[in-house]
């Protein structure tokens, strides 16, 4: 009697399909969270750069007044 090789293939491809479905659901769950984190990081970077620019301008202004 010949053994059936369909069950291992079915199991393998079922696990592959379940992994793909899980990955898609997980990606869809994490994507908005990552977008929000990137948006917040961009806002913080803008604020930080603005503060650095202001500090640099103040330092240059104080150097000029000291030298004159």
PDB file of N, CA and C in Angstrom:
ATOM      1  N   UNK A   1       0.835  -1.173   0.000  1.00  0.00           N
ATOM      2  CA  UNK A   1       0.000   0.000   0.000  1.00  0.00           C
ATOM      3  C   UNK A   1       0.890   1.250   0.000  1.00  0.00           C
ATOM      4  N   UNK A   2       0.518   2.206  -0.799  1.00  0.00           N
ATOM      5  CA  UNK A   2       1.310   3.417  -0.964  1.00  0.00           C
ATOM      6  C   UNK A   2       0.869   4.488   0.047  1.00  0.00           C
ATOM      7  N   UNK A   3       1.811   5.091   0.806  1.00  0.00           N
ATOM      8  CA  UNK A   3       1.411   6.115   1.780  1.00  0.00           C
ATOM      9  C   UNK A   3       1.006   7.421   1.065  1.00  0.00           C
ATOM     10  N   UNK A   4       0.144   8.154   1.695  1.00  0.00           N
ATOM     11  CA  UNK A   4      -0.327   9.413   1.116  1.00  0.00           C
ATOM     12  C   UNK A   4       0.615  10.544   1.533  1.00  0.00           C
ATOM     13  N   UNK A   5       1.166  11.218   0.528  1.00  0.00           N
ATOM     14  CA  UNK A   5       2.076  12.322   0.803  1.00  0.00           C
ATOM     15  C   UNK A   5       1.352  13.669   0.792  1.00  0.00           C
ATOM     16  N   UNK A   6       0.041  13.640   0.684  1.00  0.00           N
ATOM     17  CA  UNK A   6      -0.720  14.894   0.611  1.00  0.00           C
ATOM     18  C   UNK A   6      -0.770  15.603   1.959  1.00  0.00           C
ATOM     19  N   UNK A   7      -0.837  14.852   3.050  1.00  0.00           N
ATOM     20  CA  UNK A   7      -0.978  15.468   4.367  1.00  0.00           C
ATOM     21  C   UNK A   7       0.215  16.337   4.732  1.00  0.00           C
ATOM     22  N   UNK A   8       1.469  15.894   4.569  1.00  0.00           N
ATOM     23  CA  UNK A   8       2.585  16.786   4.910  1.00  0.00           C
ATOM     24  C   UNK A   8       2.612  18.053   4.050  1.00  0.00           C
ATOM     25  N   UNK A   9       2.292  17.931   2.767  1.00  0.00           N
ATOM     26  CA  UNK A   9       2.270  19.114   1.912  1.00  0.00           C
ATOM     27  C   UNK A   9       1.152  20.059   2.334  1.00  0.00           C
ATOM     28  N   UNK A  10       0.005  19.501   2.631  1.00  0.00           N
ATOM     29  CA  UNK A  10      -1.116  20.316   3.081  1.00  0.00           C
ATOM     30  C   UNK A  10      -0.757  21.054   4.361  1.00  0.00           C
ATOM     31  N   UNK A  11      -0.128  20.352   5.282  1.00  0.00           N
ATOM     32  CA  UNK A  11       0.276  20.958   6.556  1.00  0.00           C
ATOM     33  C   UNK A  11       1.301  22.061   6.316  1.00  0.00           C
ATOM     34  N   UNK A  12       2.268  21.818   5.473  1.00  0.00           N
ATOM     35  CA  UNK A  12       3.314  22.792   5.185  1.00  0.00           C
ATOM     36  C   UNK A  12       2.719  24.061   4.575  1.00  0.00           C
ATOM     37  N   UNK A  13       1.884  23.888   3.565  1.00  0.00           N
ATOM     38  CA  UNK A  13       1.319  25.060   2.903  1.00  0.00           C
ATOM     39  C   UNK A  13       0.272  25.766   3.761  1.00  0.00           C
ATOM     40  N   UNK A  14      -0.400  25.019   4.617  1.00  0.00           N
ATOM     41  CA  UNK A  14      -1.338  25.651   5.552  1.00  0.00           C
ATOM     42  C   UNK A  14      -0.574  26.532   6.533  1.00  0.00           C
ATOM     43  N   UNK A  15       0.550  26.034   7.039  1.00  0.00           N
ATOM     44  CA  UNK A  15       1.367  26.824   7.964  1.00  0.00           C
ATOM     45  C   UNK A  15       1.918  28.058   7.255  1.00  0.00           C
ATOM     46  N   UNK A  16       2.337  27.899   6.007  1.00  0.00           N
ATOM     47  CA  UNK A  16       2.834  29.039   5.246  1.00  0.00           C
ATOM     48  C   UNK A  16       1.744  30.089   5.061  1.00  0.00           C
ATOM     49  N   UNK A  17       0.567  29.658   4.683  1.00  0.00           N
ATOM     50  CA  UNK A  17      -0.550  30.570   4.483  1.00  0.00           C
ATOM     51  C   UNK A  17      -0.939  31.258   5.789  1.00  0.00           C
ATOM     52  N   UNK A  18      -0.982  30.525   6.888  1.00  0.00           N
ATOM     53  CA  UNK A  18      -1.316  31.112   8.180  1.00  0.00           C
ATOM     54  C   UNK A  18      -0.261  32.149   8.582  1.00  0.00           C
ATOM     55  N   UNK A  19       0.997  31.874   8.307  1.00  0.00           N
ATOM     56  CA  UNK A  19       2.059  32.832   8.599  1.00  0.00           C
ATOM     57  C   UNK A  19       1.914  34.094   7.781  1.00  0.00           C
ATOM     58  N   UNK A  20       1.541  33.957   6.530  1.00  0.00           N
ATOM     59  CA  UNK A  20       1.344  35.123   5.676  1.00  0.00           C
ATOM     60  C   UNK A  20       0.157  35.960   6.169  1.00  0.00           C
ATOM     61  N   UNK A  21      -0.916  35.304   6.558  1.00  0.00           N
ATOM     62  CA  UNK A  21      -2.090  36.014   7.073  1.00  0.00           C
ATOM     63  C   UNK A  21      -1.739  36.727   8.373  1.00  0.00           C
ATOM     64  N   UNK A  22      -1.018  36.050   9.267  1.00  0.00           N
ATOM     65  CA  UNK A  22      -0.611  36.660  10.525  1.00  0.00           C
ATOM     66  C   UNK A  22       0.287  37.873  10.255  1.00  0.00           C
ATOM     67  N   UNK A  23       1.232  37.729   9.356  1.00  0.00           N
ATOM     68  CA  UNK A  23       2.136  38.827   9.036  1.00  0.00           C
ATOM     69  C   UNK A  23       1.403  40.032   8.495  1.00  0.00           C
ATOM     70  N   UNK A  24       0.438  39.812   7.638  1.00  0.00           N
ATOM     71  CA  UNK A  24      -0.354  40.906   7.071  1.00  0.00           C
ATOM     72  C   UNK A  24      -1.159  41.615   8.160  1.00  0.00           C
ATOM     73  N   UNK A  25      -1.793  40.846   9.054  1.00  0.00           N
ATOM     74  CA  UNK A  25      -2.573  41.452  10.130  1.00  0.00           C
ATOM     75  C   UNK A  25      -1.666  42.234  11.072  1.00  0.00           C
ATOM     76  N   UNK A  26      -0.505  41.680  11.368  1.00  0.00           N
ATOM     77  CA  UNK A  26       0.440  42.349  12.271  1.00  0.00           C
ATOM     78  C   UNK A  26       0.962  43.639  11.638  1.00  0.00           C
ATOM     79  N   UNK A  27       1.275  43.583  10.348  1.00  0.00           N
ATOM     80  CA  UNK A  27       1.746  44.764   9.619  1.00  0.00           C
ATOM     81  C   UNK A  27       0.677  45.850   9.633  1.00  0.00           C
ATOM     82  N   UNK A  28      -0.563  45.473   9.359  1.00  0.00           N
ATOM     83  CA  UNK A  28      -1.656  46.444   9.353  1.00  0.00           C
ATOM     84  C   UNK A  28      -1.870  47.051  10.737  1.00  0.00           C
ATOM     85  N   UNK A  29      -1.593  46.284  11.786  1.00  0.00           N
ATOM     86  CA  UNK A  29      -1.733  46.780  13.148  1.00  0.00           C
ATOM     87  C   UNK A  29      -0.603  47.754  13.489  1.00  0.00           C
ATOM     88  N   UNK A  30       0.621  47.434  13.087  1.00  0.00           N
ATOM     89  CA  UNK A  30       1.783  48.235  13.468  1.00  0.00           C
ATOM     90  C   UNK A  30       2.012  49.459  12.593  1.00  0.00           C
ATOM     91  N   UNK A  31       1.504  49.452  11.367  1.00  0.00           N
ATOM     92  CA  UNK A  31       1.763  50.544  10.432  1.00  0.00           C
ATOM     93  C   UNK A  31       1.292  51.904  10.958  1.00  0.00           C
ATOM     94  N   UNK A  32       0.053  52.052  11.452  1.00  0.00           N
ATOM     95  CA  UNK A  32      -0.365  53.367  11.952  1.00  0.00           C
ATOM     96  C   UNK A  32       0.453  53.818  13.166  1.00  0.00           C
ATOM     97  N   UNK A  33       0.856  52.880  13.997  1.00  0.00           N
ATOM     98  CA  UNK A  33       1.656  53.223  15.169  1.00  0.00           C
ATOM     99  C   UNK A  33       3.002  53.776  14.725  1.00  0.00           C
ATOM    100  N   UNK A  34       3.630  53.136  13.752  1.00  0.00           N
ATOM    101  CA  UNK A  34       4.928  53.589  13.251  1.00  0.00           C
ATOM    102  C   UNK A  34       4.798  54.950  12.567  1.00  0.00           C
ATOM    103  N   UNK A  35       3.720  55.165  11.829  1.00  0.00           N
ATOM    104  CA  UNK A  35       3.513  56.462  11.173  1.00  0.00           C
ATOM    105  C   UNK A  35       3.383  57.573  12.201  1.00  0.00           C
ATOM    106  N   UNK A  36       2.654  57.309  13.275  1.00  0.00           N
ATOM    107  CA  UNK A  36       2.488  58.300  14.331  1.00  0.00           C
ATOM    108  C   UNK A  36       3.833  58.594  14.997  1.00  0.00           C
ATOM    109  N   UNK A  37       4.621  57.562  15.252  1.00  0.00           N
ATOM    110  CA  UNK A  37       5.942  57.763  15.853  1.00  0.00           C
ATOM    111  C   UNK A  37       6.844  58.589  14.939  1.00  0.00           C
ATOM    112  N   UNK A  38       6.803  58.325  13.631  1.00  0.00           N
ATOM    113  CA  UNK A  38       7.607  59.106  12.681  1.00  0.00           C
ATOM    114  C   UNK A  38       7.148  60.562  12.641  1.00  0.00           C
ATOM    115  N   UNK A  39       5.837  60.787  12.700  1.00  0.00           N
ATOM    116  CA  UNK A  39       5.309  62.145  12.692  1.00  0.00           C
ATOM    117  C   UNK A  39       5.765  62.907  13.932  1.00  0.00           C
ATOM    118  N   UNK A  40       5.671  62.273  15.087  1.00  0.00           N
ATOM    119  CA  UNK A  40       6.096  62.908  16.336  1.00  0.00           C
ATOM    120  C   UNK A  40       7.596  63.195  16.300  1.00  0.00           C
ATOM    121  N   UNK A  41       8.370  62.246  15.810  1.00  0.00           N
ATOM    122  CA  UNK A  41       9.823  62.434  15.709  1.00  0.00           C
ATOM    123  C   UNK A  41      10.164  63.601  14.790  1.00  0.00           C
ATOM    124  N   UNK A  42       9.438  63.737  13.687  1.00  0.00           N
ATOM    125  CA  UNK A  42       9.686  64.850  12.761  1.00  0.00           C
ATOM    126  C   UNK A  42       9.361  66.186  13.429  1.00  0.00           C
ATOM    127  N   UNK A  43       8.278  66.241  14.189  1.00  0.00           N
ATOM    128  CA  UNK A  43       7.929  67.478  14.897  1.00  0.00           C
ATOM    129  C   UNK A  43       8.995  67.829  15.927  1.00  0.00           C
ATOM    130  N   UNK A  44       9.454  66.823  16.669  1.00  0.00           N
ATOM    131  CA  UNK A  44      10.487  67.064  17.675  1.00  0.00           C
ATOM    132  C   UNK A  44      11.786  67.517  17.017  1.00  0.00           C
ATOM    133  N   UNK A  45      12.098  66.956  15.867  1.00  0.00           N
ATOM    134  CA  UNK A  45      13.316  67.345  15.157  1.00  0.00           C
ATOM    135  C   UNK A  45      13.227  68.799  14.717  1.00  0.00           C
ATOM    136  N   UNK A  46      12.066  69.212  14.203  1.00  0.00           N
ATOM    137  CA  UNK A  46      11.886  70.609  13.797  1.00  0.00           C
ATOM    138  C   UNK A  46      12.074  71.551  14.986  1.00  0.00           C
ATOM    139  N   UNK A  47      11.464  71.197  16.121  1.00  0.00           N
ATOM    140  CA  UNK A  47      11.599  72.026  17.318  1.00  0.00           C
ATOM    141  C   UNK A  47      13.054  72.103  17.774  1.00  0.00           C
ATOM    142  N   UNK A  48      13.728  70.951  17.777  1.00  0.00           N
ATOM    143  CA  UNK A  48      15.129  70.890  18.210  1.00  0.00           C
ATOM    144  C   UNK A  48      16.015  71.730  17.293  1.00  0.00           C
ATOM    145  N   UNK A  49      15.794  71.627  15.979  1.00  0.00           N
ATOM    146  CA  UNK A  49      16.584  72.417  15.029  1.00  0.00           C
ATOM    147  C   UNK A  49      16.322  73.909  15.200  1.00  0.00           C
ATOM    148  N   UNK A  50      15.074  74.270  15.471  1.00  0.00           N
ATOM    149  CA  UNK A  50      14.741  75.681  15.685  1.00  0.00           C
ATOM    150  C   UNK A  50      15.444  76.199  16.935  1.00  0.00           C
ATOM    151  N   UNK A  51      15.425  75.419  18.009  1.00  0.00           N
ATOM    152  CA  UNK A  51      16.104  75.845  19.238  1.00  0.00           C
ATOM    153  C   UNK A  51      17.616  75.958  19.020  1.00  0.00           C
ATOM    154  N   UNK A  52      18.193  75.019  18.276  1.00  0.00           N
ATOM    155  CA  UNK A  52      19.623  75.088  17.988  1.00  0.00           C
ATOM    156  C   UNK A  52      19.950  76.323  17.153  1.00  0.00           C
ATOM    157  N   UNK A  53      19.087  76.642  16.196  1.00  0.00           N
ATOM    158  CA  UNK A  53      19.297  77.819  15.354  1.00  0.00           C
ATOM    159  C   UNK A  53      19.241  79.091  16.200  1.00  0.00           C
ATOM    160  N   UNK A  54      18.260  79.158  17.091  1.00  0.00           N
ATOM    161  CA  UNK A  54      18.127  80.333  17.961  1.00  0.00           C
ATOM    162  C   UNK A  54      19.342  80.446  18.880  1.00  0.00           C
ATOM    163  N   UNK A  55      19.778  79.338  19.456  1.00  0.00           N
ATOM    164  CA  UNK A  55      20.940  79.360  20.345  1.00  0.00           C
ATOM    165  C   UNK A  55      22.186  79.808  19.580  1.00  0.00           C
ATOM    166  N   UNK A  56      22.330  79.353  18.360  1.00  0.00           N
ATOM    167  CA  UNK A  56      23.481  79.741  17.545  1.00  0.00           C
ATOM    168  C   UNK A  56      23.440  81.240  17.238  1.00  0.00           C
ATOM    169  N   UNK A  57      22.272  81.745  16.889  1.00  0.00           N
ATOM    170  CA  UNK A  57      22.133  83.177  16.606  1.00  0.00           C
ATOM    171  C   UNK A  57      22.444  84.011  17.848  1.00  0.00           C
ATOM    172  N   UNK A  58      21.974  83.559  19.011  1.00  0.00           N
ATOM    173  CA  UNK A  58      22.258  84.282  20.250  1.00  0.00           C
ATOM    174  C   UNK A  58      23.754  84.259  20.564  1.00  0.00           C
ATOM    175  N   UNK A  59      24.391  83.113  20.340  1.00  0.00           N
ATOM    176  CA  UNK A  59      25.825  83.010  20.597  1.00  0.00           C
ATOM    177  C   UNK A  59      26.599  83.926  19.659  1.00  0.00           C
ATOM    178  N   UNK A  60      26.206  83.965  18.398  1.00  0.00           N
ATOM    179  CA  UNK A  60      26.879  84.847  17.443  1.00  0.00           C
ATOM    180  C   UNK A  60      26.651  86.312  17.800  1.00  0.00           C
ATOM    181  N   UNK A  61      25.456  86.648  18.229  1.00  0.00           N
ATOM    182  CA  UNK A  61      25.144  88.033  18.601  1.00  0.00           C
ATOM    183  C   UNK A  61      25.947  88.443  19.830  1.00  0.00           C
ATOM    184  N   UNK A  62      26.073  87.564  20.810  1.00  0.00           N
ATOM    185  CA  UNK A  62      26.834  87.901  22.013  1.00  0.00           C
ATOM    186  C   UNK A  62      28.315  88.007  21.703  1.00  0.00           C
ATOM    187  N   UNK A  63      28.826  87.172  20.774  1.00  0.00           N
ATOM    188  CA  UNK A  63      30.230  87.281  20.366  1.00  0.00           C
ATOM    189  C   UNK A  63      30.494  88.611  19.692  1.00  0.00           C
ATOM    190  N   UNK A  64      29.596  89.038  18.832  1.00  0.00           N
ATOM    191  CA  UNK A  64      29.753  90.304  18.130  1.00  0.00           C
ATOM    192  C   UNK A  64      29.720  91.482  19.091  1.00  0.00           C
ATOM    193  N   UNK A  65      28.853  91.430  20.085  1.00  0.00           N
ATOM    194  CA  UNK A  65      28.780  92.540  21.030  1.00  0.00           C
ATOM    195  C   UNK A  65      30.003  92.566  21.939  1.00  0.00           C
ATOM    196  N   UNK A  66      30.565  91.418  22.250  1.00  0.00           N
ATOM    197  CA  UNK A  66      31.770  91.353  23.072  1.00  0.00           C
ATOM    198  C   UNK A  66      32.961  91.901  22.299  1.00  0.00           C
ATOM    199  N   UNK A  67      33.042  91.567  21.024  1.00  0.00           N
ATOM    200  CA  UNK A  67      34.185  91.989  20.216  1.00  0.00           C
ATOM    201  C   UNK A  67      34.172  93.478  19.903  1.00  0.00           C
ATOM    202  N   UNK A  68      33.044  94.095  19.894  1.00  0.00           N
ATOM    203  CA  UNK A  68      32.942  95.515  19.533  1.00  0.00           C
ATOM    204  C   UNK A  68      33.089  96.423  20.703  1.00  0.00           C
TER     205      UNK A  68
END
